[in-house]
Amino acid sequence: MRILYGVQATGQGHISRARAMARALAPLDVEVDWLFTGRPRDRLFDMEPFGTFAHRRGLTFATRSGGISYLGTVVGNNLFEFLRDARSLRLGGYDAIVTDFEPVSAWAGHLAGIRTIGIGHQYAFGSGTPVSGGNMLSRFIMRHFAPVDVPLGLHWHPYGNNVLPPILDLPDQPRQQDDHVLVYLPFEDQAEVTRWLQQFPQQRFRQYAAGLACEEAGNVLLHPTSISAFKRDLASSRAVICNSGFELISECLQWRKPVLTKPLAGQMEQLSNAKALAQLRYARVIHSLCSDALADWLQRTPAAPPVHFHKVHEVLARWLAEGARQAPDQLAASLWPTAPGQLHTRPLHSSRLDALPSTAA
């Protein structure tokens, strides 16, 4: 079995899932070639699990001050280069293409008529999944950004018969709780985030983002991006403040870390994640760096929900190595717990969202 595996590298979540899949695929009788797009090659780090990987420019969204910049997105992407890259990929000898919402590999497979399998959070957005912030453009992008023949979505709840639990990239390490709060808001102005946190000198924070120097700013310890250090501090944190990306919040749920989350403004996926988290009561949602909301959350940090996910990456790796023959609905049914008390909390009806204290900004 030979696979081309495309990964959208704009955010760390896609790469984190890919690392888990790479480890699970390594001992199996399957040959995998990796392709990463959406971020300059020199800004990729901790890529050892992928060996010699391919890279293309791809497509990505530009952000500014915690929101999507549509003008920056239009100016920053080159559609002609993207189409050239999709048409020029050499696909001879591949049995299938797998894409984690990566457009070059997805469109290359689509144009060449090669079976293309989507494994990612974006493929979970069917009719039963909570959606917020959607418009004609966002719906068009979701449908056409990385088209596939077999969509396997990932989410915190079985919203559809093709939806699996999250793929987790968590090391086996002790999780003795310290008193710091981990902060990862990579799309925000980092100086503004630091000032926001410094208003609470009694609480220690560890703030991570690309480009930060390793230094102390009062009660805030600043860190540059590092997978090993970040996972270590995540394991020992008492709670987490982050944007509403899927992967990090999945890791927080697995490790029982309370979450305060701010969705990226104008980004349908993150706004929809925030809506699902509020419905499931899995996190508290804010929509600005509000001092009152942070003060209330620090004073009354809720207990983390009792959630546990299977090792989805191991099951998916075997499924791929065996030719991906089992139907998605059967695969999904085998991965969600069904015993009493194990299945996730029933979502609340969306009309009750405004009554939840967890949605206060």
Protein backbone atom coordinates (compact mmCIF):
# COMPACT_ATOMS: atom_id res chain seq x y z
CA MET A 1 0.00 0.00 0.00
CA ARG A 2 1.49 3.36 -1.04
CA ILE A 3 -0.05 6.64 0.12
CA LEU A 4 0.54 10.32 -0.51
CA TYR A 5 -0.44 12.10 2.73
CA GLY A 6 -1.07 15.86 2.44
CA VAL A 7 -1.12 18.07 5.53
CA GLN A 8 -2.31 21.68 5.79
CA ALA A 9 0.48 23.26 7.85
CA THR A 10 -1.04 26.69 8.52
CA GLY A 11 -1.86 25.73 12.11
CA GLN A 12 -0.17 23.30 14.46
CA GLY A 13 -3.29 21.11 14.83
CA HIS A 14 -2.99 19.47 11.40
CA ILE A 15 0.72 18.77 11.93
CA SER A 16 0.06 17.41 15.42
CA ARG A 17 -2.46 14.91 14.02
CA ALA A 18 0.02 14.00 11.28
CA ARG A 19 2.71 13.21 13.86
CA ALA A 20 0.39 10.78 15.60
CA MET A 21 -0.50 9.17 12.26
CA ALA A 22 3.18 8.95 11.23
CA ARG A 23 4.05 7.04 14.40
CA ALA A 24 1.11 4.68 13.95
CA LEU A 25 1.85 4.05 10.25
CA ALA A 26 5.61 3.51 10.70
CA PRO A 27 5.52 -0.19 11.77
CA LEU A 28 2.83 -1.18 9.24
CA ASP A 29 3.16 -2.51 5.71
CA VAL A 30 2.43 0.84 4.06
CA GLU A 31 4.67 3.35 2.30
CA VAL A 32 3.83 6.98 3.05
CA ASP A 33 5.09 10.11 1.29
CA TRP A 34 4.32 13.35 3.14
CA LEU A 35 3.41 16.71 1.59
CA PHE A 36 3.08 19.92 3.65
CA THR A 37 1.66 23.23 2.42
CA GLY A 38 0.30 26.48 3.85
CA ARG A 39 3.45 27.63 5.70
CA PRO A 40 6.98 28.45 4.50
CA ARG A 41 9.26 25.44 4.75
CA ASP A 42 11.73 27.27 7.00
CA ARG A 43 8.95 27.88 9.56
CA LEU A 44 8.19 24.17 9.99
CA PHE A 45 9.76 22.61 13.09
CA ASP A 46 9.95 19.24 14.86
CA MET A 47 9.40 17.46 11.54
CA GLU A 48 11.60 14.42 12.23
CA PRO A 49 8.68 11.92 12.21
CA PHE A 50 8.09 12.66 8.50
CA GLY A 51 11.57 11.96 7.17
CA THR A 52 12.20 13.54 3.77
CA PHE A 53 8.92 15.33 3.07
CA ALA A 54 7.72 17.37 0.09
CA HIS A 55 6.63 21.00 0.40
CA ARG A 56 4.53 23.34 -1.71
CA ARG A 57 3.21 26.84 -1.07
CA GLY A 58 -0.45 25.81 -1.10
CA LEU A 59 -3.21 28.07 0.21
CA THR A 60 -3.71 29.67 3.60
CA PHE A 61 -5.70 32.33 5.46
CA ALA A 62 -4.08 35.56 6.62
CA THR A 63 -4.90 36.75 10.14
CA ARG A 64 -4.56 40.08 11.92
CA SER A 65 -5.30 40.98 15.55
CA GLY A 66 -7.26 37.83 16.30
CA GLY A 67 -9.37 37.75 13.13
CA ILE A 68 -9.34 36.67 9.49
CA SER A 69 -7.97 39.29 7.07
CA TYR A 70 -9.79 38.62 3.78
CA LEU A 71 -7.74 41.24 1.92
CA GLY A 72 -4.52 39.71 3.23
CA THR A 73 -5.81 36.27 2.26
CA VAL A 74 -6.49 37.35 -1.33
CA VAL A 75 -3.16 39.17 -1.67
CA GLY A 76 -1.14 36.44 0.06
CA ASN A 77 -2.28 33.49 -2.06
CA ASN A 78 -1.24 32.66 -5.60
CA LEU A 79 -3.96 30.63 -7.33
CA PHE A 80 -1.92 30.12 -10.49
CA GLU A 81 0.96 28.61 -8.50
CA PHE A 82 -1.51 26.46 -6.58
CA LEU A 83 -3.10 25.05 -9.77
CA ARG A 84 0.32 24.44 -11.26
CA ASP A 85 1.42 22.55 -8.14
CA ALA A 86 -1.77 20.44 -8.10
CA ARG A 87 -1.40 19.49 -11.77
CA SER A 88 2.34 18.79 -11.55
CA LEU A 89 2.31 16.35 -8.62
CA ARG A 90 3.58 12.97 -9.74
CA LEU A 91 0.93 10.49 -8.58
CA GLY A 92 2.01 7.34 -10.39
CA GLY A 93 2.20 4.32 -8.10
CA TYR A 94 -0.04 5.66 -5.33
CA ASP A 95 -2.94 3.48 -4.21
CA ALA A 96 -4.66 6.38 -2.44
CA ILE A 97 -4.23 9.97 -1.38
CA VAL A 98 -4.94 11.04 2.19
CA THR A 99 -5.42 14.70 3.00
CA ASP A 100 -5.88 16.58 6.26
CA PHE A 101 -7.68 19.46 4.54
CA GLU A 102 -4.60 20.01 2.37
CA PRO A 103 -5.70 21.42 -1.01
CA VAL A 104 -2.77 20.57 -3.32
CA SER A 105 -2.93 16.80 -2.71
CA ALA A 106 -6.74 16.81 -2.64
CA TRP A 107 -7.11 18.62 -5.96
CA ALA A 108 -4.30 16.61 -7.53
CA GLY A 109 -6.12 13.40 -6.64
CA HIS A 110 -9.44 14.83 -7.79
CA LEU A 111 -8.03 15.85 -11.18
CA ALA A 112 -6.20 12.53 -11.64
CA GLY A 113 -9.14 10.36 -10.57
CA ILE A 114 -7.22 8.73 -7.68
CA ARG A 115 -9.19 7.70 -4.58
CA THR A 116 -8.80 10.53 -2.08
CA ILE A 117 -9.53 10.14 1.64
CA GLY A 118 -10.05 13.15 3.88
CA ILE A 119 -9.09 12.75 7.54
CA GLY A 120 -9.59 15.96 9.48
CA HIS A 121 -11.83 18.14 11.58
CA GLN A 122 -13.23 20.09 8.61
CA TYR A 123 -14.79 16.90 7.19
CA ALA A 124 -17.01 16.64 10.28
CA PHE A 125 -19.18 19.61 9.27
CA GLY A 126 -22.30 17.82 8.10
CA SER A 127 -25.94 18.68 8.67
CA GLY A 128 -25.90 17.62 12.34
CA THR A 129 -22.79 19.55 13.41
CA PRO A 130 -23.12 22.90 15.23
CA VAL A 131 -22.18 25.75 12.88
CA SER A 132 -21.67 29.42 13.65
CA GLY A 133 -20.37 32.33 11.60
CA GLY A 134 -21.08 30.65 8.29
CA ASN A 135 -21.65 32.63 5.12
CA MET A 136 -21.64 31.91 1.41
CA LEU A 137 -17.84 32.23 1.17
CA SER A 138 -17.09 30.01 4.18
CA ARG A 139 -19.51 27.32 2.98
CA PHE A 140 -17.95 27.42 -0.48
CA ILE A 141 -14.47 27.04 1.03
CA MET A 142 -15.52 24.12 3.23
CA ARG A 143 -16.93 22.27 0.20
CA HIS A 144 -14.22 23.02 -2.34
CA PHE A 145 -10.96 23.80 -0.50
CA ALA A 146 -9.84 20.14 -0.30
CA PRO A 147 -12.44 17.85 -1.99
CA VAL A 148 -12.31 14.12 -1.24
CA ASP A 149 -14.07 10.88 -2.16
CA VAL A 150 -14.15 9.48 1.39
CA PRO A 151 -14.58 12.15 4.13
CA LEU A 152 -13.69 11.07 7.67
CA GLY A 153 -14.46 13.88 10.08
CA LEU A 154 -13.06 14.32 13.59
CA HIS A 155 -15.06 15.93 16.39
CA TRP A 156 -15.84 15.80 20.11
CA HIS A 157 -19.27 14.25 19.59
CA PRO A 158 -20.67 11.78 16.99
CA TYR A 159 -22.55 14.43 15.02
CA GLY A 160 -22.65 12.27 11.86
CA ASN A 161 -22.05 8.67 10.79
CA ASN A 162 -18.69 9.61 9.26
CA VAL A 163 -17.45 11.44 12.39
CA LEU A 164 -14.68 9.89 14.52
CA PRO A 165 -13.22 11.06 17.85
CA PRO A 166 -10.09 13.25 17.74
CA ILE A 167 -6.62 12.05 16.77
CA LEU A 168 -4.35 12.90 19.69
CA ASP A 169 -0.60 13.56 19.75
CA LEU A 170 0.07 13.28 23.48
CA PRO A 171 3.28 11.92 25.02
CA ASP A 172 3.21 9.38 27.83
CA GLN A 173 4.38 11.61 30.66
CA PRO A 174 3.36 12.41 34.26
CA ARG A 175 0.65 15.05 34.68
CA GLN A 176 1.32 16.35 38.18
CA GLN A 177 -0.58 19.61 38.39
CA ASP A 178 1.35 22.83 38.89
CA ASP A 179 -0.28 26.22 39.54
CA HIS A 180 0.39 27.86 36.15
CA VAL A 181 -2.13 28.52 33.38
CA LEU A 182 -0.94 27.72 29.87
CA VAL A 183 -1.76 30.39 27.26
CA TYR A 184 -1.64 29.80 23.49
CA LEU A 185 -3.32 32.52 21.43
CA PRO A 186 -1.10 32.56 18.31
CA PHE A 187 -3.43 34.73 16.20
CA GLU A 188 -3.60 37.57 18.73
CA ASP A 189 -1.25 40.52 19.27
CA GLN A 190 1.14 38.92 21.77
CA ALA A 191 1.97 42.17 23.56
CA GLU A 192 -1.74 42.72 24.11
CA VAL A 193 -2.12 39.17 25.46
CA THR A 194 0.76 39.73 27.89
CA ARG A 195 -0.76 42.99 29.17
CA TRP A 196 -4.10 41.21 29.61
CA LEU A 197 -2.49 38.49 31.73
CA GLN A 198 -0.41 40.95 33.78
CA GLN A 199 -3.63 42.37 35.24
CA PHE A 200 -3.73 39.25 37.46
CA PRO A 201 -0.34 39.22 39.23
CA GLN A 202 -1.47 36.55 41.70
CA GLN A 203 -1.70 33.99 38.86
CA ARG A 204 1.31 32.59 36.99
CA PHE A 205 0.92 32.22 33.22
CA ARG A 206 3.07 30.57 30.56
CA GLN A 207 2.47 32.25 27.22
CA TYR A 208 3.55 30.48 24.01
CA ALA A 209 3.72 31.89 20.49
CA ALA A 210 6.06 31.88 17.52
CA GLY A 211 8.55 34.74 17.70
CA LEU A 212 8.46 35.24 21.46
CA ALA A 213 11.77 35.35 23.32
CA CYS A 214 12.18 33.16 26.40
CA GLU A 215 11.86 35.73 29.19
CA GLU A 216 9.79 36.76 32.20
CA ALA A 217 7.34 39.66 32.11
CA GLY A 218 6.16 39.89 35.69
CA ASN A 219 3.81 36.99 36.33
CA VAL A 220 3.99 35.88 32.67
CA LEU A 221 6.72 33.53 31.44
CA LEU A 222 7.10 33.95 27.68
CA HIS A 223 8.09 30.98 25.50
CA PRO A 224 8.87 30.55 21.80
CA THR A 225 7.02 27.70 20.11
CA SER A 226 8.42 24.28 21.08
CA ILE A 227 6.54 20.99 20.91
CA SER A 228 8.33 19.24 23.79
CA ALA A 229 8.26 22.23 26.17
CA PHE A 230 4.65 23.04 25.28
CA LYS A 231 3.43 19.49 25.94
CA ARG A 232 5.37 19.42 29.22
CA ASP A 233 3.75 22.66 30.38
CA LEU A 234 0.35 21.48 29.12
CA ALA A 235 0.69 18.30 31.18
CA SER A 236 1.49 20.22 34.38
CA SER A 237 -0.90 23.17 33.89
CA ARG A 238 -3.95 23.74 36.05
CA ALA A 239 -5.91 25.17 33.09
CA VAL A 240 -5.51 26.44 29.52
CA ILE A 241 -6.40 29.63 27.62
CA CYS A 242 -6.40 29.20 23.84
CA ASN A 243 -8.11 29.94 20.56
CA SER A 244 -10.81 27.51 19.43
CA GLY A 245 -8.67 25.28 17.26
CA PHE A 246 -9.72 21.65 17.36
CA GLU A 247 -6.53 19.78 18.21
CA LEU A 248 -5.28 21.61 21.30
CA ILE A 249 -8.71 21.62 22.90
CA SER A 250 -8.99 17.88 22.18
CA GLU A 251 -5.70 17.36 24.04
CA CYS A 252 -6.98 19.48 26.93
CA LEU A 253 -10.14 17.36 27.15
CA GLN A 254 -8.13 14.13 27.13
CA TRP A 255 -5.84 15.40 29.89
CA ARG A 256 -8.73 16.93 31.89
CA LYS A 257 -7.62 20.56 31.62
CA PRO A 258 -10.28 23.28 32.05
CA VAL A 259 -10.36 25.58 29.01
CA LEU A 260 -11.11 29.25 28.41
CA THR A 261 -11.32 29.70 24.65
CA LYS A 262 -11.52 32.66 22.28
CA PRO A 263 -12.51 31.76 18.69
CA LEU A 264 -10.72 33.47 15.85
CA ALA A 265 -13.04 36.24 14.66
CA GLY A 266 -14.49 35.63 11.21
CA GLN A 267 -13.32 32.01 11.07
CA MET A 268 -16.28 29.67 10.71
CA GLU A 269 -14.47 26.58 11.96
CA GLN A 270 -13.36 28.19 15.22
CA LEU A 271 -16.69 29.91 15.80
CA SER A 272 -18.44 26.59 15.23
CA ASN A 273 -16.03 24.83 17.60
CA ALA A 274 -16.84 27.42 20.25
CA LYS A 275 -20.55 26.81 19.74
CA ALA A 276 -20.08 23.04 20.10
CA LEU A 277 -17.96 23.50 23.24
CA ALA A 278 -20.63 25.69 24.80
CA GLN A 279 -23.39 23.21 23.92
CA LEU A 280 -21.41 20.28 25.31
CA ARG A 281 -20.30 22.32 28.35
CA TYR A 282 -16.71 21.41 27.58
CA ALA A 283 -15.21 24.93 27.86
CA ARG A 284 -16.02 28.55 28.62
CA VAL A 285 -16.10 30.79 25.56
CA ILE A 286 -15.13 34.48 25.29
CA HIS A 287 -15.05 36.69 22.20
CA SER A 288 -12.56 39.34 23.34
CA LEU A 289 -9.65 39.66 25.76
CA CYS A 290 -12.08 40.72 28.46
CA SER A 291 -10.55 41.29 31.91
CA ASP A 292 -13.82 40.67 33.77
CA ALA A 293 -14.32 37.33 32.02
CA LEU A 294 -10.77 36.22 32.82
CA ALA A 295 -11.13 37.31 36.46
CA ASP A 296 -14.35 35.32 36.82
CA TRP A 297 -12.86 32.23 35.14
CA LEU A 298 -9.70 32.31 37.29
CA GLN A 299 -11.78 32.65 40.45
CA ARG A 300 -14.32 29.98 39.48
CA THR A 301 -12.43 27.66 37.15
CA PRO A 302 -14.81 24.77 36.42
CA ALA A 303 -13.80 21.14 36.63
CA ALA A 304 -12.80 19.58 33.32
CA PRO A 305 -15.43 17.29 31.76
CA PRO A 306 -14.92 13.51 32.20
CA VAL A 307 -14.00 12.80 28.56
CA HIS A 308 -11.78 10.04 27.23
CA PHE A 309 -11.03 9.30 23.57
CA HIS A 310 -9.75 6.08 22.00
CA LYS A 311 -6.40 5.84 20.17
CA VAL A 312 -7.99 6.77 16.87
CA HIS A 313 -4.66 7.14 15.04
CA GLU A 314 -3.81 3.47 15.62
CA VAL A 315 -7.18 2.30 14.29
CA LEU A 316 -6.98 4.59 11.26
CA ALA A 317 -3.42 3.53 10.47
CA ARG A 318 -4.45 -0.15 10.36
CA TRP A 319 -7.52 0.78 8.31
CA LEU A 320 -5.33 2.53 5.73
CA ALA A 321 -2.75 -0.27 5.65
CA GLU A 322 -5.53 -2.80 4.96
CA GLY A 323 -6.76 -0.80 1.97
CA ALA A 324 -9.38 1.42 3.69
CA ARG A 325 -12.11 -1.10 2.92
CA GLN A 326 -14.29 -0.80 6.03
CA ALA A 327 -17.15 1.70 5.57
CA PRO A 328 -16.79 5.03 7.44
CA ASP A 329 -19.98 4.50 9.46
CA GLN A 330 -18.72 1.12 10.71
CA LEU A 331 -15.36 2.65 11.57
CA ALA A 332 -17.05 5.47 13.48
CA ALA A 333 -19.36 3.11 15.37
CA SER A 334 -16.36 1.09 16.59
CA LEU A 335 -14.63 4.16 18.06
CA TRP A 336 -17.36 5.91 20.04
CA PRO A 337 -18.05 4.52 23.54
CA THR A 338 -21.54 3.11 24.03
CA ALA A 339 -21.54 1.87 27.63
CA PRO A 340 -23.74 3.87 30.05
CA GLY A 341 -21.91 6.88 31.45
CA GLN A 342 -19.13 6.78 28.83
CA LEU A 343 -20.68 8.64 25.92
CA HIS A 344 -20.18 12.40 25.88
CA THR A 345 -22.69 14.76 27.42
CA ARG A 346 -25.78 15.32 25.28
CA PRO A 347 -25.50 18.72 23.56
CA LEU A 348 -27.90 21.38 24.73
CA HIS A 349 -30.36 22.77 22.22
CA SER A 350 -28.88 25.83 20.53
CA SER A 351 -31.73 28.06 21.73
CA ARG A 352 -30.45 27.65 25.29
CA LEU A 353 -26.94 28.86 24.54
CA ASP A 354 -27.50 32.39 25.80
CA ALA A 355 -28.51 31.05 29.20
CA LEU A 356 -25.18 29.31 29.74
CA PRO A 357 -22.69 31.14 31.97
CA SER A 358 -19.89 29.48 29.99
CA THR A 359 -20.63 31.63 26.94
CA ALA A 360 -20.22 34.98 28.67
CA ALA A 361 -17.69 37.25 26.98
